[in-house]
mmCIF file of all heavy atoms, coordinates in Angstrom:
data_MODEL
# 
_entry.id   MODEL 
# 
loop_
_atom_site.group_PDB 
_atom_site.id 
_atom_site.type_symbol 
_atom_site.label_atom_id 
_atom_site.label_alt_id 
_atom_site.label_comp_id 
_atom_site.label_asym_id 
_atom_site.label_entity_id 
_atom_site.label_seq_id 
_atom_site.pdbx_PDB_ins_code 
_atom_site.Cartn_x 
_atom_site.Cartn_y 
_atom_site.Cartn_z 
_atom_site.occupancy 
_atom_site.B_iso_or_equiv 
_atom_site.pdbx_formal_charge 
_atom_site.auth_seq_id 
_atom_site.auth_comp_id 
_atom_site.auth_asym_id 
_atom_site.auth_atom_id 
_atom_site.pdbx_PDB_model_num 
ATOM 1   N N   . ALA A 1 1  ? 22.158 -18.228 -6.864  1.00 0.00 ? 1  ALA A N   1 
ATOM 2   C CA  . ALA A 1 1  ? 21.641 -19.082 -5.800  1.00 0.00 ? 1  ALA A CA  1 
ATOM 3   C C   . ALA A 1 1  ? 20.198 -18.700 -5.525  1.00 0.00 ? 1  ALA A C   1 
ATOM 4   O O   . ALA A 1 1  ? 19.822 -17.530 -5.650  1.00 0.00 ? 1  ALA A O   1 
ATOM 5   C CB  . ALA A 1 1  ? 22.482 -18.926 -4.533  1.00 0.00 ? 1  ALA A CB  1 
ATOM 6   N N   . ASP A 1 2  ? 19.402 -19.684 -5.144  1.00 0.00 ? 2  ASP A N   1 
ATOM 7   C CA  . ASP A 1 2  ? 17.980 -19.428 -4.929  1.00 0.00 ? 2  ASP A CA  1 
ATOM 8   C C   . ASP A 1 2  ? 17.719 -18.506 -3.744  1.00 0.00 ? 2  ASP A C   1 
ATOM 9   O O   . ASP A 1 2  ? 16.698 -17.822 -3.694  1.00 0.00 ? 2  ASP A O   1 
ATOM 10  C CB  . ASP A 1 2  ? 17.237 -20.751 -4.718  1.00 0.00 ? 2  ASP A CB  1 
ATOM 11  C CG  . ASP A 1 2  ? 17.056 -21.516 -6.015  1.00 0.00 ? 2  ASP A CG  1 
ATOM 12  O OD1 . ASP A 1 2  ? 17.436 -20.980 -7.074  1.00 0.00 ? 2  ASP A OD1 1 
ATOM 13  O OD2 . ASP A 1 2  ? 16.535 -22.649 -5.972  1.00 0.00 ? 2  ASP A OD2 1 
ATOM 14  N N   . TYR A 1 3  ? 18.617 -18.502 -2.770  1.00 0.00 ? 3  TYR A N   1 
ATOM 15  C CA  . TYR A 1 3  ? 18.443 -17.625 -1.604  1.00 0.00 ? 3  TYR A CA  1 
ATOM 16  C C   . TYR A 1 3  ? 19.785 -17.472 -0.913  1.00 0.00 ? 3  TYR A C   1 
ATOM 17  O O   . TYR A 1 3  ? 20.751 -18.184 -1.200  1.00 0.00 ? 3  TYR A O   1 
ATOM 18  C CB  . TYR A 1 3  ? 17.406 -18.200 -0.626  1.00 0.00 ? 3  TYR A CB  1 
ATOM 19  C CG  . TYR A 1 3  ? 17.755 -19.566 -0.084  1.00 0.00 ? 3  TYR A CG  1 
ATOM 20  C CD1 . TYR A 1 3  ? 18.536 -19.719 1.054   1.00 0.00 ? 3  TYR A CD1 1 
ATOM 21  C CD2 . TYR A 1 3  ? 17.298 -20.721 -0.718  1.00 0.00 ? 3  TYR A CD2 1 
ATOM 22  C CE1 . TYR A 1 3  ? 18.871 -20.971 1.537   1.00 0.00 ? 3  TYR A CE1 1 
ATOM 23  C CE2 . TYR A 1 3  ? 17.621 -21.977 -0.241  1.00 0.00 ? 3  TYR A CE2 1 
ATOM 24  C CZ  . TYR A 1 3  ? 18.409 -22.099 0.896   1.00 0.00 ? 3  TYR A CZ  1 
ATOM 25  O OH  . TYR A 1 3  ? 18.738 -23.343 1.364   1.00 0.00 ? 3  TYR A OH  1 
ATOM 26  N N   . GLY A 1 4  ? 19.845 -16.534 0.019   1.00 0.00 ? 4  GLY A N   1 
ATOM 27  C CA  . GLY A 1 4  ? 21.049 -16.324 0.811   1.00 0.00 ? 4  GLY A CA  1 
ATOM 28  C C   . GLY A 1 4  ? 22.005 -15.312 0.201   1.00 0.00 ? 4  GLY A C   1 
ATOM 29  O O   . GLY A 1 4  ? 21.773 -14.748 -0.876  1.00 0.00 ? 4  GLY A O   1 
ATOM 30  N N   . ASP A 1 5  ? 23.105 -15.087 0.922   1.00 0.00 ? 5  ASP A N   1 
ATOM 31  C CA  . ASP A 1 5  ? 24.123 -14.139 0.486   1.00 0.00 ? 5  ASP A CA  1 
ATOM 32  C C   . ASP A 1 5  ? 25.082 -14.794 -0.503  1.00 0.00 ? 5  ASP A C   1 
ATOM 33  O O   . ASP A 1 5  ? 25.175 -16.026 -0.591  1.00 0.00 ? 5  ASP A O   1 
ATOM 34  C CB  . ASP A 1 5  ? 24.938 -13.632 1.685   1.00 0.00 ? 5  ASP A CB  1 
ATOM 35  C CG  . ASP A 1 5  ? 24.072 -12.902 2.695   1.00 0.00 ? 5  ASP A CG  1 
ATOM 36  O OD1 . ASP A 1 5  ? 23.108 -12.251 2.259   1.00 0.00 ? 5  ASP A OD1 1 
ATOM 37  O OD2 . ASP A 1 5  ? 24.346 -13.001 3.904   1.00 0.00 ? 5  ASP A OD2 1 
ATOM 38  N N   . LEU A 1 6  ? 25.777 -13.952 -1.254  1.00 0.00 ? 6  LEU A N   1 
ATOM 39  C CA  . LEU A 1 6  ? 26.843 -14.437 -2.129  1.00 0.00 ? 6  LEU A CA  1 
ATOM 40  C C   . LEU A 1 6  ? 28.107 -14.539 -1.285  1.00 0.00 ? 6  LEU A C   1 
ATOM 41  O O   . LEU A 1 6  ? 28.788 -13.562 -1.023  1.00 0.00 ? 6  LEU A O   1 
ATOM 42  C CB  . LEU A 1 6  ? 27.049 -13.487 -3.312  1.00 0.00 ? 6  LEU A CB  1 
ATOM 43  C CG  . LEU A 1 6  ? 28.169 -13.876 -4.282  1.00 0.00 ? 6  LEU A CG  1 
ATOM 44  C CD1 . LEU A 1 6  ? 27.931 -15.262 -4.860  1.00 0.00 ? 6  LEU A CD1 1 
ATOM 45  C CD2 . LEU A 1 6  ? 28.278 -12.847 -5.408  1.00 0.00 ? 6  LEU A CD2 1 
ATOM 46  N N   . ASP A 1 7  ? 28.397 -15.738 -0.820  1.00 0.00 ? 7  ASP A N   1 
ATOM 47  C CA  . ASP A 1 7  ? 29.503 -15.980 0.107   1.00 0.00 ? 7  ASP A CA  1 
ATOM 48  C C   . ASP A 1 7  ? 30.452 -16.984 -0.543  1.00 0.00 ? 7  ASP A C   1 
ATOM 49  O O   . ASP A 1 7  ? 30.131 -18.163 -0.663  1.00 0.00 ? 7  ASP A O   1 
ATOM 50  C CB  . ASP A 1 7  ? 28.949 -16.536 1.427   1.00 0.00 ? 7  ASP A CB  1 
ATOM 51  C CG  . ASP A 1 7  ? 30.019 -16.680 2.493   1.00 0.00 ? 7  ASP A CG  1 
ATOM 52  O OD1 . ASP A 1 7  ? 31.146 -16.206 2.267   1.00 0.00 ? 7  ASP A OD1 1 
ATOM 53  O OD2 . ASP A 1 7  ? 29.718 -17.277 3.540   1.00 0.00 ? 7  ASP A OD2 1 
ATOM 54  N N   . TYR A 1 8  ? 31.582 -16.497 -1.029  1.00 0.00 ? 8  TYR A N   1 
ATOM 55  C CA  . TYR A 1 8  ? 32.512 -17.416 -1.678  1.00 0.00 ? 8  TYR A CA  1 
ATOM 56  C C   . TYR A 1 8  ? 33.954 -17.002 -1.387  1.00 0.00 ? 8  TYR A C   1 
ATOM 57  O O   . TYR A 1 8  ? 34.238 -15.900 -0.948  1.00 0.00 ? 8  TYR A O   1 
ATOM 58  C CB  . TYR A 1 8  ? 32.267 -17.486 -3.189  1.00 0.00 ? 8  TYR A CB  1 
ATOM 59  C CG  . TYR A 1 8  ? 32.616 -16.258 -3.988  1.00 0.00 ? 8  TYR A CG  1 
ATOM 60  C CD1 . TYR A 1 8  ? 33.851 -16.156 -4.632  1.00 0.00 ? 8  TYR A CD1 1 
ATOM 61  C CD2 . TYR A 1 8  ? 31.715 -15.207 -4.138  1.00 0.00 ? 8  TYR A CD2 1 
ATOM 62  C CE1 . TYR A 1 8  ? 34.178 -15.040 -5.376  1.00 0.00 ? 8  TYR A CE1 1 
ATOM 63  C CE2 . TYR A 1 8  ? 32.019 -14.095 -4.885  1.00 0.00 ? 8  TYR A CE2 1 
ATOM 64  C CZ  . TYR A 1 8  ? 33.260 -14.013 -5.509  1.00 0.00 ? 8  TYR A CZ  1 
ATOM 65  O OH  . TYR A 1 8  ? 33.574 -12.912 -6.245  1.00 0.00 ? 8  TYR A OH  1 
ATOM 66  N N   . TYR A 1 9  ? 34.845 -17.954 -1.618  1.00 0.00 ? 9  TYR A N   1 
ATOM 67  C CA  . TYR A 1 9  ? 36.269 -17.765 -1.365  1.00 0.00 ? 9  TYR A CA  1 
ATOM 68  C C   . TYR A 1 9  ? 37.026 -17.820 -2.687  1.00 0.00 ? 9  TYR A C   1 
ATOM 69  O O   . TYR A 1 9  ? 36.779 -18.707 -3.508  1.00 0.00 ? 9  TYR A O   1 
ATOM 70  C CB  . TYR A 1 9  ? 36.816 -18.863 -0.444  1.00 0.00 ? 9  TYR A CB  1 
ATOM 71  C CG  . TYR A 1 9  ? 36.179 -18.922 0.922   1.00 0.00 ? 9  TYR A CG  1 
ATOM 72  C CD1 . TYR A 1 9  ? 34.949 -19.563 1.109   1.00 0.00 ? 9  TYR A CD1 1 
ATOM 73  C CD2 . TYR A 1 9  ? 36.792 -18.344 2.028   1.00 0.00 ? 9  TYR A CD2 1 
ATOM 74  C CE1 . TYR A 1 9  ? 34.362 -19.622 2.354   1.00 0.00 ? 9  TYR A CE1 1 
ATOM 75  C CE2 . TYR A 1 9  ? 36.215 -18.411 3.279   1.00 0.00 ? 9  TYR A CE2 1 
ATOM 76  C CZ  . TYR A 1 9  ? 34.990 -19.047 3.439   1.00 0.00 ? 9  TYR A CZ  1 
ATOM 77  O OH  . TYR A 1 9  ? 34.407 -19.108 4.679   1.00 0.00 ? 9  TYR A OH  1 
ATOM 78  N N   . PHE A 1 10 ? 37.950 -16.895 -2.857  1.00 0.00 ? 10 PHE A N   1 
ATOM 79  C CA  . PHE A 1 10 ? 38.870 -16.936 -3.994  1.00 0.00 ? 10 PHE A CA  1 
ATOM 80  C C   . PHE A 1 10 ? 40.169 -17.556 -3.502  1.00 0.00 ? 10 PHE A C   1 
ATOM 81  O O   . PHE A 1 10 ? 40.758 -17.096 -2.518  1.00 0.00 ? 10 PHE A O   1 
ATOM 82  C CB  . PHE A 1 10 ? 39.131 -15.523 -4.525  1.00 0.00 ? 10 PHE A CB  1 
ATOM 83  C CG  . PHE A 1 10 ? 40.072 -15.487 -5.700  1.00 0.00 ? 10 PHE A CG  1 
ATOM 84  C CD1 . PHE A 1 10 ? 39.591 -15.581 -6.988  1.00 0.00 ? 10 PHE A CD1 1 
ATOM 85  C CD2 . PHE A 1 10 ? 41.444 -15.375 -5.507  1.00 0.00 ? 10 PHE A CD2 1 
ATOM 86  C CE1 . PHE A 1 10 ? 40.459 -15.555 -8.071  1.00 0.00 ? 10 PHE A CE1 1 
ATOM 87  C CE2 . PHE A 1 10 ? 42.322 -15.348 -6.573  1.00 0.00 ? 10 PHE A CE2 1 
ATOM 88  C CZ  . PHE A 1 10 ? 41.823 -15.439 -7.870  1.00 0.00 ? 10 PHE A CZ  1 
ATOM 89  N N   . ILE A 1 11 ? 40.609 -18.624 -4.175  1.00 0.00 ? 11 ILE A N   1 
ATOM 90  C CA  . ILE A 1 11 ? 41.779 -19.381 -3.720  1.00 0.00 ? 11 ILE A CA  1 
ATOM 91  C C   . ILE A 1 11 ? 42.837 -19.321 -4.811  1.00 0.00 ? 11 ILE A C   1 
ATOM 92  O O   . ILE A 1 11 ? 42.654 -19.873 -5.904  1.00 0.00 ? 11 ILE A O   1 
ATOM 93  C CB  . ILE A 1 11 ? 41.411 -20.845 -3.429  1.00 0.00 ? 11 ILE A CB  1 
ATOM 94  C CG1 . ILE A 1 11 ? 40.203 -20.910 -2.483  1.00 0.00 ? 11 ILE A CG1 1 
ATOM 95  C CG2 . ILE A 1 11 ? 42.604 -21.587 -2.841  1.00 0.00 ? 11 ILE A CG2 1 
ATOM 96  C CD1 . ILE A 1 11 ? 39.620 -22.291 -2.338  1.00 0.00 ? 11 ILE A CD1 1 
ATOM 97  N N   . ALA A 1 12 ? 43.947 -18.648 -4.528  1.00 0.00 ? 12 ALA A N   1 
ATOM 98  C CA  . ALA A 1 12 ? 45.037 -18.516 -5.491  1.00 0.00 ? 12 ALA A CA  1 
ATOM 99  C C   . ALA A 1 12 ? 46.118 -19.557 -5.195  1.00 0.00 ? 12 ALA A C   1 
ATOM 100 O O   . ALA A 1 12 ? 46.214 -20.088 -4.092  1.00 0.00 ? 12 ALA A O   1 
ATOM 101 C CB  . ALA A 1 12 ? 45.629 -17.110 -5.433  1.00 0.00 ? 12 ALA A CB  1 
ATOM 102 N N   . GLY A 1 13 ? 46.916 -19.835 -6.197  1.00 0.00 ? 13 GLY A N   1 
ATOM 103 C CA  . GLY A 1 13 ? 48.019 -20.774 -6.019  1.00 0.00 ? 13 GLY A CA  1 
ATOM 104 C C   . GLY A 1 13 ? 48.914 -20.793 -7.235  1.00 0.00 ? 13 GLY A C   1 
ATOM 105 O O   . GLY A 1 13 ? 48.473 -20.463 -8.351  1.00 0.00 ? 13 GLY A O   1 
ATOM 106 N N   . ALA A 1 14 ? 50.169 -21.203 -7.048  1.00 0.00 ? 14 ALA A N   1 
ATOM 107 C CA  . ALA A 1 14 ? 51.116 -21.275 -8.159  1.00 0.00 ? 14 ALA A CA  1 
ATOM 108 C C   . ALA A 1 14 ? 50.799 -22.445 -9.088  1.00 0.00 ? 14 ALA A C   1 
ATOM 109 O O   . ALA A 1 14 ? 51.211 -22.456 -10.252 1.00 0.00 ? 14 ALA A O   1 
ATOM 110 C CB  . ALA A 1 14 ? 52.544 -21.403 -7.623  1.00 0.00 ? 14 ALA A CB  1 
ATOM 111 N N   . SER A 1 15 ? 50.088 -23.452 -8.568  1.00 0.00 ? 15 SER A N   1 
ATOM 112 C CA  . SER A 1 15 ? 49.720 -24.618 -9.371  1.00 0.00 ? 15 SER A CA  1 
ATOM 113 C C   . SER A 1 15 ? 48.339 -25.089 -8.950  1.00 0.00 ? 15 SER A C   1 
ATOM 114 O O   . SER A 1 15 ? 47.821 -24.700 -7.897  1.00 0.00 ? 15 SER A O   1 
ATOM 115 C CB  . SER A 1 15 ? 50.738 -25.747 -9.179  1.00 0.00 ? 15 SER A CB  1 
ATOM 116 O OG  . SER A 1 15 ? 50.667 -26.255 -7.853  1.00 0.00 ? 15 SER A OG  1 
ATOM 117 N N   . LEU A 1 16 ? 47.733 -25.964 -9.761  1.00 0.00 ? 16 LEU A N   1 
ATOM 118 C CA  . LEU A 1 16 ? 46.434 -26.519 -9.410  1.00 0.00 ? 16 LEU A CA  1 
ATOM 119 C C   . LEU A 1 16 ? 46.517 -27.301 -8.107  1.00 0.00 ? 16 LEU A C   1 
ATOM 120 O O   . LEU A 1 16 ? 45.588 -27.277 -7.292  1.00 0.00 ? 16 LEU A O   1 
ATOM 121 C CB  . LEU A 1 16 ? 45.927 -27.407 -10.545 1.00 0.00 ? 16 LEU A CB  1 
ATOM 122 C CG  . LEU A 1 16 ? 44.538 -28.025 -10.354 1.00 0.00 ? 16 LEU A CG  1 
ATOM 123 C CD1 . LEU A 1 16 ? 43.484 -26.940 -10.176 1.00 0.00 ? 16 LEU A CD1 1 
ATOM 124 C CD2 . LEU A 1 16 ? 44.183 -28.906 -11.547 1.00 0.00 ? 16 LEU A CD2 1 
ATOM 125 N N   . ALA A 1 17 ? 47.635 -27.986 -7.883  1.00 0.00 ? 17 ALA A N   1 
ATOM 126 C CA  . ALA A 1 17 ? 47.820 -28.742 -6.646  1.00 0.00 ? 17 ALA A CA  1 
ATOM 127 C C   . ALA A 1 17 ? 47.788 -27.808 -5.434  1.00 0.00 ? 17 ALA A C   1 
ATOM 128 O O   . ALA A 1 17 ? 47.231 -28.152 -4.384  1.00 0.00 ? 17 ALA A O   1 
ATOM 129 C CB  . ALA A 1 17 ? 49.139 -29.514 -6.688  1.00 0.00 ? 17 ALA A CB  1 
ATOM 130 N N   . ASP A 1 18 ? 48.382 -26.631 -5.562  1.00 0.00 ? 18 ASP A N   1 
ATOM 131 C CA  . ASP A 1 18 ? 48.352 -25.650 -4.470  1.00 0.00 ? 18 ASP A CA  1 
ATOM 132 C C   . ASP A 1 18 ? 46.923 -25.199 -4.186  1.00 0.00 ? 18 ASP A C   1 
ATOM 133 O O   . ASP A 1 18 ? 46.520 -25.054 -3.026  1.00 0.00 ? 18 ASP A O   1 
ATOM 134 C CB  . ASP A 1 18 ? 49.204 -24.423 -4.825  1.00 0.00 ? 18 ASP A CB  1 
ATOM 135 C CG  . ASP A 1 18 ? 50.686 -24.725 -4.860  1.00 0.00 ? 18 ASP A CG  1 
ATOM 136 O OD1 . ASP A 1 18 ? 51.114 -25.669 -4.168  1.00 0.00 ? 18 ASP A OD1 1 
ATOM 137 O OD2 . ASP A 1 18 ? 51.404 -24.020 -5.596  1.00 0.00 ? 18 ASP A OD2 1 
ATOM 138 N N   . VAL A 1 19 ? 46.153 -24.970 -5.244  1.00 0.00 ? 19 VAL A N   1 
ATOM 139 C CA  . VAL A 1 19 ? 44.768 -24.533 -5.079  1.00 0.00 ? 19 VAL A CA  1 
ATOM 140 C C   . VAL A 1 19 ? 43.957 -25.602 -4.353  1.00 0.00 ? 19 VAL A C   1 
ATOM 141 O O   . VAL A 1 19 ? 43.214 -25.319 -3.409  1.00 0.00 ? 19 VAL A O   1 
ATOM 142 C CB  . VAL A 1 19 ? 44.139 -24.206 -6.448  1.00 0.00 ? 19 VAL A CB  1 
ATOM 143 C CG1 . VAL A 1 19 ? 42.643 -23.933 -6.296  1.00 0.00 ? 19 VAL A CG1 1 
ATOM 144 C CG2 . VAL A 1 19 ? 44.828 -23.017 -7.090  1.00 0.00 ? 19 VAL A CG2 1 
ATOM 145 N N   . VAL A 1 20 ? 44.085 -26.860 -4.777  1.00 0.00 ? 20 VAL A N   1 
ATOM 146 C CA  . VAL A 1 20 ? 43.344 -27.945 -4.153  1.00 0.00 ? 20 VAL A CA  1 
ATOM 147 C C   . VAL A 1 20 ? 43.762 -28.116 -2.698  1.00 0.00 ? 20 VAL A C   1 
ATOM 148 O O   . VAL A 1 20 ? 42.921 -28.333 -1.810  1.00 0.00 ? 20 VAL A O   1 
ATOM 149 C CB  . VAL A 1 20 ? 43.559 -29.258 -4.933  1.00 0.00 ? 20 VAL A CB  1 
ATOM 150 C CG1 . VAL A 1 20 ? 42.918 -30.425 -4.191  1.00 0.00 ? 20 VAL A CG1 1 
ATOM 151 C CG2 . VAL A 1 20 ? 42.971 -29.140 -6.333  1.00 0.00 ? 20 VAL A CG2 1 
ATOM 152 N N   . GLN A 1 21 ? 45.054 -27.987 -2.414  1.00 0.00 ? 21 GLN A N   1 
ATOM 153 C CA  . GLN A 1 21 ? 45.529 -28.107 -1.037  1.00 0.00 ? 21 GLN A CA  1 
ATOM 154 C C   . GLN A 1 21 ? 44.910 -27.026 -0.153  1.00 0.00 ? 21 GLN A C   1 
ATOM 155 O O   . GLN A 1 21 ? 44.439 -27.304 0.960   1.00 0.00 ? 21 GLN A O   1 
ATOM 156 C CB  . GLN A 1 21 ? 47.048 -28.012 -0.992  1.00 0.00 ? 21 GLN A CB  1 
ATOM 157 C CG  . GLN A 1 21 ? 47.618 -28.169 0.426   1.00 0.00 ? 21 GLN A CG  1 
ATOM 158 C CD  . GLN A 1 21 ? 49.120 -27.981 0.479   1.00 0.00 ? 21 GLN A CD  1 
ATOM 159 O OE1 . GLN A 1 21 ? 49.644 -26.968 0.026   1.00 0.00 ? 21 GLN A OE1 1 
ATOM 160 N NE2 . GLN A 1 21 ? 49.822 -28.967 1.031   1.00 0.00 ? 21 GLN A NE2 1 
ATOM 161 N N   . ARG A 1 22 ? 44.880 -25.804 -0.626  1.00 0.00 ? 22 ARG A N   1 
ATOM 162 C CA  . ARG A 1 22 ? 44.321 -24.703 0.159   1.00 0.00 ? 22 ARG A CA  1 
ATOM 163 C C   . ARG A 1 22 ? 42.805 -24.838 0.308   1.00 0.00 ? 22 ARG A C   1 
ATOM 164 O O   . ARG A 1 22 ? 42.232 -24.468 1.331   1.00 0.00 ? 22 ARG A O   1 
ATOM 165 C CB  . ARG A 1 22 ? 44.700 -23.373 -0.486  1.00 0.00 ? 22 ARG A CB  1 
ATOM 166 C CG  . ARG A 1 22 ? 46.194 -23.088 -0.362  1.00 0.00 ? 22 ARG A CG  1 
ATOM 167 C CD  . ARG A 1 22 ? 46.677 -21.933 -1.200  1.00 0.00 ? 22 ARG A CD  1 
ATOM 168 N NE  . ARG A 1 22 ? 48.122 -21.763 -1.035  1.00 0.00 ? 22 ARG A NE  1 
ATOM 169 C CZ  . ARG A 1 22 ? 48.847 -20.917 -1.746  1.00 0.00 ? 22 ARG A CZ  1 
ATOM 170 N NH1 . ARG A 1 22 ? 48.272 -20.162 -2.674  1.00 0.00 ? 22 ARG A NH1 1 
ATOM 171 N NH2 . ARG A 1 22 ? 50.147 -20.833 -1.538  1.00 0.00 ? 22 ARG A NH2 1 
ATOM 172 N N   . TYR A 1 23 ? 42.165 -25.373 -0.733  1.00 0.00 ? 23 TYR A N   1 
ATOM 173 C CA  . TYR A 1 23 ? 40.726 -25.636 -0.647  1.00 0.00 ? 23 TYR A CA  1 
ATOM 174 C C   . TYR A 1 23 ? 40.430 -26.632 0.476   1.00 0.00 ? 23 TYR A C   1 
ATOM 175 O O   . TYR A 1 23 ? 39.501 -26.444 1.269   1.00 0.00 ? 23 TYR A O   1 
ATOM 176 C CB  . TYR A 1 23 ? 40.232 -26.171 -1.991  1.00 0.00 ? 23 TYR A CB  1 
ATOM 177 C CG  . TYR A 1 23 ? 38.872 -26.818 -1.954  1.00 0.00 ? 23 TYR A CG  1 
ATOM 178 C CD1 . TYR A 1 23 ? 37.724 -26.074 -1.703  1.00 0.00 ? 23 TYR A CD1 1 
ATOM 179 C CD2 . TYR A 1 23 ? 38.736 -28.180 -2.182  1.00 0.00 ? 23 TYR A CD2 1 
ATOM 180 C CE1 . TYR A 1 23 ? 36.472 -26.665 -1.677  1.00 0.00 ? 23 TYR A CE1 1 
ATOM 181 C CE2 . TYR A 1 23 ? 37.487 -28.780 -2.161  1.00 0.00 ? 23 TYR A CE2 1 
ATOM 182 C CZ  . TYR A 1 23 ? 36.365 -28.020 -1.900  1.00 0.00 ? 23 TYR A CZ  1 
ATOM 183 O OH  . TYR A 1 23 ? 35.131 -28.617 -1.870  1.00 0.00 ? 23 TYR A OH  1 
ATOM 184 N N   . THR A 1 24 ? 41.229 -27.676 0.573   1.00 0.00 ? 24 THR A N   1 
ATOM 185 C CA  . THR A 1 24 ? 40.994 -28.676 1.609   1.00 0.00 ? 24 THR A CA  1 
ATOM 186 C C   . THR A 1 24 ? 41.343 -28.163 3.002   1.00 0.00 ? 24 THR A C   1 
ATOM 187 O O   . THR A 1 24 ? 40.884 -28.727 3.995   1.00 0.00 ? 24 THR A O   1 
ATOM 188 C CB  . THR A 1 24 ? 41.774 -29.972 1.322   1.00 0.00 ? 24 THR A CB  1 
ATOM 189 O OG1 . THR A 1 24 ? 43.183 -29.703 1.262   1.00 0.00 ? 24 THR A OG1 1 
ATOM 190 C CG2 . THR A 1 24 ? 41.324 -30.592 0.008   1.00 0.00 ? 24 THR A CG2 1 
ATOM 191 N N   . TRP A 1 25 ? 42.153 -27.116 3.093   1.00 0.00 ? 25 TRP A N   1 
ATOM 192 C CA  . TRP A 1 25 ? 42.351 -26.477 4.402   1.00 0.00 ? 25 TRP A CA  1 
ATOM 193 C C   . TRP A 1 25 ? 41.020 -25.921 4.915   1.00 0.00 ? 25 TRP A C   1 
ATOM 194 O O   . TRP A 1 25 ? 40.763 -25.916 6.120   1.00 0.00 ? 25 TRP A O   1 
ATOM 195 C CB  . TRP A 1 25 ? 43.361 -25.332 4.296   1.00 0.00 ? 25 TRP A CB  1 
ATOM 196 C CG  . TRP A 1 25 ? 44.791 -25.762 4.144   1.00 0.00 ? 25 TRP A CG  1 
ATOM 197 C CD1 . TRP A 1 25 ? 45.306 -27.011 4.362   1.00 0.00 ? 25 TRP A CD1 1 
ATOM 198 C CD2 . TRP A 1 25 ? 45.883 -24.946 3.729   1.00 0.00 ? 25 TRP A CD2 1 
ATOM 199 N NE1 . TRP A 1 25 ? 46.654 -27.028 4.101   1.00 0.00 ? 25 TRP A NE1 1 
ATOM 200 C CE2 . TRP A 1 25 ? 47.045 -25.765 3.714   1.00 0.00 ? 25 TRP A CE2 1 
ATOM 201 C CE3 . TRP A 1 25 ? 46.018 -23.611 3.371   1.00 0.00 ? 25 TRP A CE3 1 
ATOM 202 C CZ2 . TRP A 1 25 ? 48.301 -25.283 3.358   1.00 0.00 ? 25 TRP A CZ2 1 
ATOM 203 C CZ3 . TRP A 1 25 ? 47.268 -23.127 3.015   1.00 0.00 ? 25 TRP A CZ3 1 
ATOM 204 C CH2 . TRP A 1 25 ? 48.400 -23.959 3.003   1.00 0.00 ? 25 TRP A CH2 1 
# 
């Protein structure tokens, strides 16, 4: 990134649908 902190979330799930659901939370 051009500036700022490295701020990211790791999202685990049993399926891709679970990952997308948790992302939208």
